[in-house]
């Protein structure tokens, strides 16, 4: 019973922090309600907290926040300056990590990076839609995968 309360509090905190990050502080009450319900459902279905190396969390959060802001800026620039280069294409990204949890998280998060979106993956690679195949989309994914590999235990 004690363990489920700790898990509930941890999921509540994670969901509320994500809500604030994505929706902003103006919607804190809705976020509090949503995160409370989401945490209850997570505990009810038996969702466990993934084993993390907590010392890498600040590095990951800093990287992710900066890249999220860059993604927003990139989309805004392209919307205001339609002459900016666009060369959309499906490309393949070969995983460097052997951890399947890293593959899953990478495929979920890559859509929040500037100009990329993942559609599916297998044990060796994932399909990525790049807004501009000539941009340096791959180095950002490599850095994100390396941070996730440090953060998430196998």
N, C-alpha and C. Protein backbone atom coordinates (compact mmCIF):
# COMPACT_ATOMS: atom_id res chain seq x y z
N UNK A 1 0.82 -1.20 0.00
CA UNK A 1 0.00 0.00 0.00
C UNK A 1 0.86 1.26 0.00
N UNK A 2 1.92 1.26 0.83
CA UNK A 2 2.82 2.41 0.90
C UNK A 2 3.46 2.68 -0.45
N UNK A 3 3.83 1.60 -1.16
CA UNK A 3 4.48 1.73 -2.46
C UNK A 3 3.52 2.35 -3.49
N UNK A 4 2.25 2.00 -3.45
CA UNK A 4 1.30 2.56 -4.42
C UNK A 4 1.08 4.06 -4.20
N UNK A 5 1.15 4.51 -2.95
CA UNK A 5 1.04 5.95 -2.67
C UNK A 5 2.24 6.70 -3.21
N UNK A 6 3.43 6.11 -3.02
CA UNK A 6 4.64 6.74 -3.58
C UNK A 6 4.57 6.80 -5.10
N UNK A 7 4.11 5.71 -5.71
CA UNK A 7 3.97 5.68 -7.17
C UNK A 7 2.94 6.72 -7.62
N UNK A 8 1.83 6.81 -6.89
CA UNK A 8 0.79 7.79 -7.21
C UNK A 8 1.34 9.22 -7.13
N UNK A 9 2.07 9.52 -6.06
CA UNK A 9 2.62 10.87 -5.90
C UNK A 9 3.65 11.18 -6.98
N UNK A 10 4.44 10.20 -7.33
CA UNK A 10 5.44 10.42 -8.38
C UNK A 10 4.76 10.67 -9.73
N UNK A 11 3.78 9.83 -10.09
CA UNK A 11 3.07 10.04 -11.36
C UNK A 11 2.31 11.37 -11.35
N UNK A 12 1.72 11.74 -10.24
CA UNK A 12 1.03 13.03 -10.14
C UNK A 12 1.98 14.17 -10.43
N UNK A 13 3.16 14.10 -9.84
CA UNK A 13 4.16 15.14 -10.04
C UNK A 13 4.62 15.20 -11.49
N UNK A 14 4.90 14.04 -12.07
CA UNK A 14 5.35 13.98 -13.46
C UNK A 14 4.28 14.52 -14.39
N UNK A 15 3.04 14.06 -14.23
CA UNK A 15 1.95 14.51 -15.11
C UNK A 15 1.68 16.00 -14.95
N UNK A 16 1.74 16.50 -13.72
CA UNK A 16 1.49 17.92 -13.49
C UNK A 16 2.62 18.77 -14.08
N UNK A 17 3.85 18.31 -13.94
CA UNK A 17 4.98 19.05 -14.52
C UNK A 17 4.88 19.08 -16.05
N UNK A 18 4.50 17.97 -16.64
CA UNK A 18 4.30 17.95 -18.10
C UNK A 18 3.18 18.90 -18.51
N UNK A 19 2.11 18.90 -17.74
CA UNK A 19 0.99 19.80 -18.03
C UNK A 19 1.46 21.26 -18.02
N UNK A 20 2.17 21.62 -16.97
CA UNK A 20 2.66 23.00 -16.86
C UNK A 20 3.62 23.34 -17.99
N UNK A 21 4.47 22.40 -18.36
CA UNK A 21 5.42 22.63 -19.44
C UNK A 21 4.71 22.87 -20.76
N UNK A 22 3.69 22.08 -21.04
CA UNK A 22 3.01 22.18 -22.33
C UNK A 22 1.89 23.21 -22.35
N UNK A 23 1.17 23.39 -21.25
CA UNK A 23 0.02 24.30 -21.24
C UNK A 23 0.32 25.64 -20.60
N UNK A 24 1.34 25.70 -19.78
CA UNK A 24 1.67 26.95 -19.11
C UNK A 24 0.99 27.06 -17.76
N UNK A 25 1.46 27.98 -16.94
CA UNK A 25 0.95 28.10 -15.57
C UNK A 25 -0.48 28.63 -15.48
N UNK A 26 -0.99 29.21 -16.55
CA UNK A 26 -2.34 29.77 -16.51
C UNK A 26 -3.42 28.70 -16.37
N UNK A 27 -3.08 27.46 -16.70
CA UNK A 27 -4.06 26.37 -16.64
C UNK A 27 -3.71 25.39 -15.53
N UNK A 28 -3.17 25.89 -14.43
CA UNK A 28 -2.70 25.01 -13.37
C UNK A 28 -3.81 24.20 -12.72
N UNK A 29 -5.00 24.79 -12.56
CA UNK A 29 -6.09 24.07 -11.89
C UNK A 29 -6.55 22.89 -12.74
N UNK A 30 -6.74 23.11 -14.02
CA UNK A 30 -7.11 22.01 -14.92
C UNK A 30 -6.02 20.95 -14.92
N UNK A 31 -4.76 21.39 -14.90
CA UNK A 31 -3.64 20.46 -14.87
C UNK A 31 -3.60 19.64 -13.59
N UNK A 32 -3.92 20.28 -12.48
CA UNK A 32 -3.95 19.58 -11.21
C UNK A 32 -5.01 18.48 -11.22
N UNK A 33 -6.18 18.80 -11.74
CA UNK A 33 -7.27 17.82 -11.83
C UNK A 33 -6.89 16.70 -12.79
N UNK A 34 -6.38 17.07 -13.98
CA UNK A 34 -6.02 16.07 -14.98
C UNK A 34 -4.89 15.18 -14.50
N UNK A 35 -3.88 15.76 -13.87
CA UNK A 35 -2.75 14.96 -13.41
C UNK A 35 -3.15 14.04 -12.26
N UNK A 36 -4.06 14.49 -11.42
CA UNK A 36 -4.56 13.64 -10.32
C UNK A 36 -5.29 12.43 -10.88
N UNK A 37 -6.15 12.67 -11.86
CA UNK A 37 -6.89 11.55 -12.48
C UNK A 37 -5.95 10.63 -13.27
N UNK A 38 -5.02 11.22 -14.01
CA UNK A 38 -4.08 10.41 -14.79
C UNK A 38 -3.22 9.54 -13.88
N UNK A 39 -2.78 10.09 -12.76
CA UNK A 39 -1.97 9.31 -11.81
C UNK A 39 -2.79 8.17 -11.21
N UNK A 40 -4.05 8.43 -10.89
CA UNK A 40 -4.91 7.38 -10.35
C UNK A 40 -5.08 6.25 -11.37
N UNK A 41 -5.27 6.60 -12.62
CA UNK A 41 -5.40 5.59 -13.67
C UNK A 41 -4.09 4.83 -13.84
N UNK A 42 -2.97 5.55 -13.80
CA UNK A 42 -1.66 4.90 -13.94
C UNK A 42 -1.44 3.86 -12.85
N UNK A 43 -1.79 4.19 -11.62
CA UNK A 43 -1.64 3.24 -10.51
C UNK A 43 -2.63 2.10 -10.67
N UNK A 44 -3.84 2.40 -11.08
CA UNK A 44 -4.88 1.39 -11.25
C UNK A 44 -4.49 0.34 -12.30
N UNK A 45 -3.90 0.79 -13.42
CA UNK A 45 -3.51 -0.17 -14.47
C UNK A 45 -2.14 -0.79 -14.21
N UNK A 46 -1.49 -0.36 -13.13
CA UNK A 46 -0.21 -0.96 -12.77
C UNK A 46 0.99 -0.39 -13.50
N UNK A 47 0.88 0.84 -13.97
CA UNK A 47 2.00 1.48 -14.65
C UNK A 47 3.10 1.75 -13.64
N UNK A 48 4.25 1.20 -13.89
CA UNK A 48 5.36 1.37 -12.96
C UNK A 48 6.26 2.50 -13.43
N UNK A 49 6.98 3.06 -12.51
CA UNK A 49 7.93 4.12 -12.83
C UNK A 49 9.14 3.45 -13.46
N UNK A 50 9.54 3.92 -14.65
CA UNK A 50 10.70 3.28 -15.27
C UNK A 50 11.96 3.51 -14.45
N UNK A 51 12.85 2.54 -14.45
CA UNK A 51 14.09 2.71 -13.69
C UNK A 51 14.97 3.78 -14.36
N UNK A 52 15.22 4.84 -13.64
CA UNK A 52 15.98 5.96 -14.18
C UNK A 52 17.28 6.17 -13.42
N UNK A 53 18.21 6.75 -14.09
CA UNK A 53 19.42 7.26 -13.44
C UNK A 53 19.15 8.74 -13.22
N UNK A 54 18.70 9.09 -12.04
CA UNK A 54 18.17 10.42 -11.74
C UNK A 54 19.17 11.55 -11.96
N UNK A 55 20.45 11.26 -11.85
CA UNK A 55 21.43 12.33 -12.02
C UNK A 55 21.46 12.88 -13.43
N UNK A 56 20.93 12.12 -14.40
CA UNK A 56 20.89 12.57 -15.79
C UNK A 56 19.60 13.32 -16.13
N UNK A 57 18.64 13.35 -15.22
CA UNK A 57 17.37 14.02 -15.49
C UNK A 57 17.53 15.51 -15.77
N UNK A 58 18.30 16.27 -15.00
CA UNK A 58 18.45 17.71 -15.31
C UNK A 58 19.02 17.95 -16.71
N UNK A 59 20.02 17.18 -17.13
CA UNK A 59 20.59 17.33 -18.47
C UNK A 59 19.55 17.06 -19.54
N UNK A 60 18.77 15.99 -19.33
CA UNK A 60 17.73 15.66 -20.29
C UNK A 60 16.68 16.76 -20.36
N UNK A 61 16.22 17.23 -19.20
CA UNK A 61 15.18 18.27 -19.19
C UNK A 61 15.66 19.57 -19.82
N UNK A 62 16.89 19.95 -19.57
CA UNK A 62 17.45 21.15 -20.18
C UNK A 62 17.51 21.00 -21.70
N UNK A 63 18.05 19.89 -22.17
CA UNK A 63 18.14 19.63 -23.61
C UNK A 63 16.75 19.65 -24.24
N UNK A 64 15.82 18.92 -23.62
CA UNK A 64 14.47 18.81 -24.17
C UNK A 64 13.77 20.17 -24.22
N UNK A 65 13.90 20.97 -23.17
CA UNK A 65 13.27 22.28 -23.12
C UNK A 65 13.84 23.20 -24.21
N UNK A 66 15.14 23.21 -24.36
CA UNK A 66 15.77 24.04 -25.40
C UNK A 66 15.31 23.59 -26.78
N UNK A 67 15.31 22.30 -27.03
CA UNK A 67 14.89 21.80 -28.34
C UNK A 67 13.41 22.05 -28.60
N UNK A 68 12.58 21.99 -27.57
CA UNK A 68 11.16 22.29 -27.71
C UNK A 68 10.96 23.74 -28.12
N UNK A 69 11.70 24.64 -27.50
CA UNK A 69 11.62 26.06 -27.86
C UNK A 69 12.14 26.30 -29.28
N UNK A 70 13.22 25.63 -29.64
CA UNK A 70 13.75 25.76 -31.00
C UNK A 70 12.75 25.24 -32.03
N UNK A 71 12.05 24.19 -31.70
CA UNK A 71 11.04 23.64 -32.61
C UNK A 71 9.93 24.65 -32.85
N UNK A 72 9.46 25.28 -31.78
CA UNK A 72 8.43 26.31 -31.93
C UNK A 72 8.91 27.49 -32.76
N UNK A 73 10.12 27.90 -32.50
CA UNK A 73 10.71 29.01 -33.27
C UNK A 73 10.85 28.64 -34.74
N UNK A 74 11.29 27.43 -35.02
CA UNK A 74 11.47 26.98 -36.40
C UNK A 74 10.14 26.97 -37.16
N UNK A 75 9.10 26.46 -36.53
CA UNK A 75 7.79 26.42 -37.17
C UNK A 75 7.27 27.84 -37.41
N UNK A 76 7.44 28.72 -36.43
CA UNK A 76 7.00 30.10 -36.59
C UNK A 76 7.74 30.79 -37.74
N UNK A 77 9.05 30.59 -37.82
CA UNK A 77 9.85 31.17 -38.91
C UNK A 77 9.37 30.69 -40.26
N UNK A 78 9.14 29.40 -40.37
CA UNK A 78 8.71 28.83 -41.65
C UNK A 78 7.31 29.30 -42.03
N UNK A 79 6.47 29.53 -41.04
CA UNK A 79 5.12 30.03 -41.34
C UNK A 79 5.17 31.48 -41.82
N UNK A 80 6.07 32.27 -41.25
CA UNK A 80 6.17 33.69 -41.62
C UNK A 80 7.03 33.92 -42.86
N UNK A 81 7.94 33.02 -43.14
CA UNK A 81 8.83 33.14 -44.30
C UNK A 81 8.71 31.89 -45.16
N UNK A 82 7.68 31.83 -46.00
CA UNK A 82 7.45 30.60 -46.77
C UNK A 82 8.58 30.26 -47.75
N UNK A 83 9.52 31.17 -47.97
CA UNK A 83 10.62 30.86 -48.89
C UNK A 83 11.74 30.08 -48.21
N UNK A 84 11.63 29.86 -46.92
CA UNK A 84 12.64 29.05 -46.24
C UNK A 84 12.62 27.64 -46.83
N UNK A 85 13.79 27.02 -46.87
CA UNK A 85 13.86 25.71 -47.56
C UNK A 85 13.01 24.64 -46.88
N UNK A 86 12.30 23.93 -47.70
CA UNK A 86 11.53 22.77 -47.27
C UNK A 86 11.84 21.64 -48.24
N UNK A 87 12.19 20.53 -47.72
CA UNK A 87 12.42 19.33 -48.53
C UNK A 87 11.94 18.15 -47.70
N UNK A 88 10.62 18.05 -47.51
CA UNK A 88 10.09 16.98 -46.66
C UNK A 88 10.40 15.60 -47.25
N UNK A 89 10.75 14.68 -46.37
CA UNK A 89 11.08 13.33 -46.82
C UNK A 89 11.01 12.36 -45.64
N UNK A 90 10.73 11.12 -45.96
CA UNK A 90 10.83 10.05 -44.97
C UNK A 90 12.26 9.54 -45.00
N UNK A 91 12.88 9.53 -43.84
CA UNK A 91 14.26 9.08 -43.72
C UNK A 91 14.33 7.99 -42.65
N UNK A 92 15.40 7.25 -42.67
CA UNK A 92 15.57 6.18 -41.70
C UNK A 92 16.66 6.58 -40.70
N UNK A 93 16.37 6.37 -39.45
CA UNK A 93 17.35 6.64 -38.39
C UNK A 93 17.71 5.31 -37.73
N UNK A 94 18.98 4.96 -37.78
CA UNK A 94 19.46 3.71 -37.16
C UNK A 94 19.81 3.97 -35.70
N UNK A 95 19.20 3.17 -34.81
CA UNK A 95 19.45 3.32 -33.38
C UNK A 95 20.91 3.01 -33.05
N UNK A 96 21.43 3.75 -32.11
CA UNK A 96 22.76 3.47 -31.58
C UNK A 96 22.64 2.70 -30.27
N UNK A 97 21.57 2.95 -29.52
CA UNK A 97 21.32 2.27 -28.26
C UNK A 97 20.72 0.89 -28.51
N UNK A 98 20.98 -0.02 -27.60
CA UNK A 98 20.37 -1.35 -27.69
C UNK A 98 19.20 -1.51 -26.72
N UNK A 99 18.90 -0.45 -25.97
CA UNK A 99 17.85 -0.49 -24.95
C UNK A 99 16.49 -0.22 -25.61
N UNK A 100 15.57 -1.20 -25.59
CA UNK A 100 14.26 -1.00 -26.21
C UNK A 100 13.43 0.12 -25.56
N UNK A 101 13.67 0.38 -24.27
CA UNK A 101 12.97 1.50 -23.61
C UNK A 101 13.42 2.83 -24.21
N UNK A 102 14.69 2.93 -24.55
CA UNK A 102 15.21 4.15 -25.19
C UNK A 102 14.57 4.30 -26.56
N UNK A 103 14.43 3.21 -27.30
CA UNK A 103 13.81 3.26 -28.63
C UNK A 103 12.38 3.79 -28.52
N UNK A 104 11.64 3.26 -27.55
CA UNK A 104 10.25 3.68 -27.37
C UNK A 104 10.16 5.16 -27.01
N UNK A 105 10.95 5.60 -26.03
CA UNK A 105 10.91 7.01 -25.63
C UNK A 105 11.39 7.93 -26.75
N UNK A 106 12.42 7.52 -27.46
CA UNK A 106 12.93 8.33 -28.56
C UNK A 106 11.86 8.50 -29.64
N UNK A 107 11.18 7.43 -29.98
CA UNK A 107 10.14 7.51 -31.01
C UNK A 107 8.97 8.39 -30.56
N UNK A 108 8.72 8.42 -29.27
CA UNK A 108 7.63 9.26 -28.75
C UNK A 108 8.02 10.72 -28.68
N UNK A 109 9.27 11.00 -28.38
CA UNK A 109 9.71 12.38 -28.14
C UNK A 109 10.18 13.08 -29.41
N UNK A 110 10.63 12.32 -30.40
CA UNK A 110 11.26 12.93 -31.58
C UNK A 110 10.30 13.87 -32.33
N UNK A 111 9.02 13.66 -32.21
CA UNK A 111 8.04 14.54 -32.87
C UNK A 111 7.99 15.93 -32.27
N UNK A 112 8.56 16.10 -31.09
CA UNK A 112 8.60 17.43 -30.47
C UNK A 112 9.87 18.20 -30.82
N UNK A 113 10.77 17.55 -31.54
CA UNK A 113 12.01 18.21 -31.96
C UNK A 113 11.76 19.02 -33.23
N UNK A 114 12.65 19.96 -33.55
CA UNK A 114 12.45 20.78 -34.75
C UNK A 114 12.43 19.96 -36.03
N UNK A 115 11.29 20.01 -36.73
CA UNK A 115 11.19 19.45 -38.07
C UNK A 115 11.19 17.95 -38.21
N UNK A 116 10.89 17.20 -37.14
CA UNK A 116 10.90 15.74 -37.25
C UNK A 116 9.65 15.13 -36.62
N UNK A 117 9.34 13.93 -37.11
CA UNK A 117 8.20 13.17 -36.60
C UNK A 117 8.47 11.70 -36.86
N UNK A 118 8.29 10.87 -35.86
CA UNK A 118 8.51 9.43 -36.03
C UNK A 118 7.18 8.76 -36.30
N UNK A 119 7.19 7.78 -37.21
CA UNK A 119 5.94 7.07 -37.48
C UNK A 119 5.95 5.65 -36.95
N UNK A 120 7.07 4.96 -37.07
CA UNK A 120 7.16 3.59 -36.56
C UNK A 120 8.63 3.22 -36.40
N UNK A 121 8.86 2.13 -35.64
CA UNK A 121 10.22 1.68 -35.40
C UNK A 121 10.25 0.18 -35.18
N UNK A 122 11.43 -0.38 -35.38
CA UNK A 122 11.65 -1.79 -35.05
C UNK A 122 12.89 -1.86 -34.15
N UNK A 123 13.50 -3.00 -34.05
CA UNK A 123 14.63 -3.15 -33.12
C UNK A 123 15.89 -2.42 -33.58
N UNK A 124 15.98 -2.06 -34.85
CA UNK A 124 17.21 -1.46 -35.36
C UNK A 124 17.08 -0.01 -35.80
N UNK A 125 15.89 0.41 -36.22
CA UNK A 125 15.75 1.75 -36.79
C UNK A 125 14.32 2.26 -36.64
N UNK A 126 14.17 3.56 -36.89
CA UNK A 126 12.84 4.15 -36.90
C UNK A 126 12.69 5.01 -38.15
N UNK A 127 11.45 5.09 -38.61
CA UNK A 127 11.14 5.94 -39.75
C UNK A 127 10.83 7.34 -39.23
N UNK A 128 11.50 8.33 -39.80
CA UNK A 128 11.36 9.71 -39.36
C UNK A 128 10.95 10.56 -40.55
N UNK A 129 9.94 11.38 -40.34
CA UNK A 129 9.59 12.36 -41.37
C UNK A 129 10.31 13.65 -41.02
N UNK A 130 11.20 14.08 -41.91
CA UNK A 130 11.95 15.31 -41.70
C UNK A 130 11.33 16.42 -42.55
N UNK A 131 11.14 17.57 -41.95
CA UNK A 131 10.58 18.72 -42.66
C UNK A 131 11.54 19.19 -43.75
N UNK A 132 12.82 19.06 -43.48
CA UNK A 132 13.84 19.41 -44.46
C UNK A 132 14.94 18.36 -44.37
N UNK A 133 14.95 17.43 -45.32
CA UNK A 133 15.90 16.33 -45.25
C UNK A 133 17.36 16.80 -45.34
N UNK A 134 17.58 18.04 -45.80
CA UNK A 134 18.94 18.58 -45.91
C UNK A 134 19.38 19.27 -44.62
N UNK A 135 18.47 19.46 -43.68
CA UNK A 135 18.85 20.07 -42.40
C UNK A 135 19.60 19.06 -41.55
N UNK A 136 20.11 19.51 -40.44
CA UNK A 136 20.88 18.63 -39.55
C UNK A 136 19.96 17.97 -38.53
N UNK A 137 18.93 17.30 -38.99
CA UNK A 137 17.96 16.65 -38.10
C UNK A 137 18.59 15.49 -37.35
N UNK A 138 19.55 14.81 -37.96
CA UNK A 138 20.09 13.59 -37.37
C UNK A 138 20.93 13.85 -36.11
N UNK A 139 21.71 14.93 -36.10
CA UNK A 139 22.57 15.17 -34.92
C UNK A 139 21.74 15.44 -33.67
N UNK A 140 20.59 16.08 -33.83
CA UNK A 140 19.73 16.34 -32.67
C UNK A 140 19.17 15.02 -32.13
N UNK A 141 18.77 14.13 -33.02
CA UNK A 141 18.24 12.84 -32.59
C UNK A 141 19.34 12.01 -31.94
N UNK A 142 20.54 12.08 -32.46
CA UNK A 142 21.67 11.35 -31.87
C UNK A 142 21.91 11.84 -30.44
N UNK A 143 21.89 13.17 -30.23
CA UNK A 143 22.11 13.72 -28.89
C UNK A 143 20.98 13.32 -27.94
N UNK A 144 19.74 13.36 -28.44
CA UNK A 144 18.60 12.97 -27.62
C UNK A 144 18.70 11.49 -27.25
N UNK A 145 19.04 10.65 -28.19
CA UNK A 145 19.16 9.22 -27.91
C UNK A 145 20.26 8.96 -26.89
N UNK A 146 21.38 9.66 -27.00
CA UNK A 146 22.48 9.48 -26.04
C UNK A 146 22.04 9.89 -24.63
N UNK A 147 21.28 10.99 -24.52
CA UNK A 147 20.79 11.41 -23.20
C UNK A 147 19.79 10.40 -22.64
N UNK A 148 18.89 9.91 -23.48
CA UNK A 148 17.93 8.90 -23.03
C UNK A 148 18.63 7.62 -22.60
N UNK A 149 19.69 7.26 -23.33
CA UNK A 149 20.43 6.05 -22.99
C UNK A 149 21.11 6.19 -21.63
N UNK A 150 21.54 7.39 -21.29
CA UNK A 150 22.14 7.62 -19.97
C UNK A 150 21.06 7.65 -18.89
N UNK A 151 19.89 8.18 -19.23
CA UNK A 151 18.81 8.38 -18.26
C UNK A 151 18.06 7.10 -17.93
N UNK A 152 17.76 6.31 -18.94
CA UNK A 152 16.89 5.13 -18.76
C UNK A 152 17.73 3.87 -18.59
N UNK A 153 17.50 3.18 -17.51
CA UNK A 153 18.23 1.93 -17.26
C UNK A 153 17.64 0.83 -18.12
N UNK A 154 18.48 -0.12 -18.53
CA UNK A 154 17.97 -1.26 -19.34
C UNK A 154 17.08 -2.18 -18.53
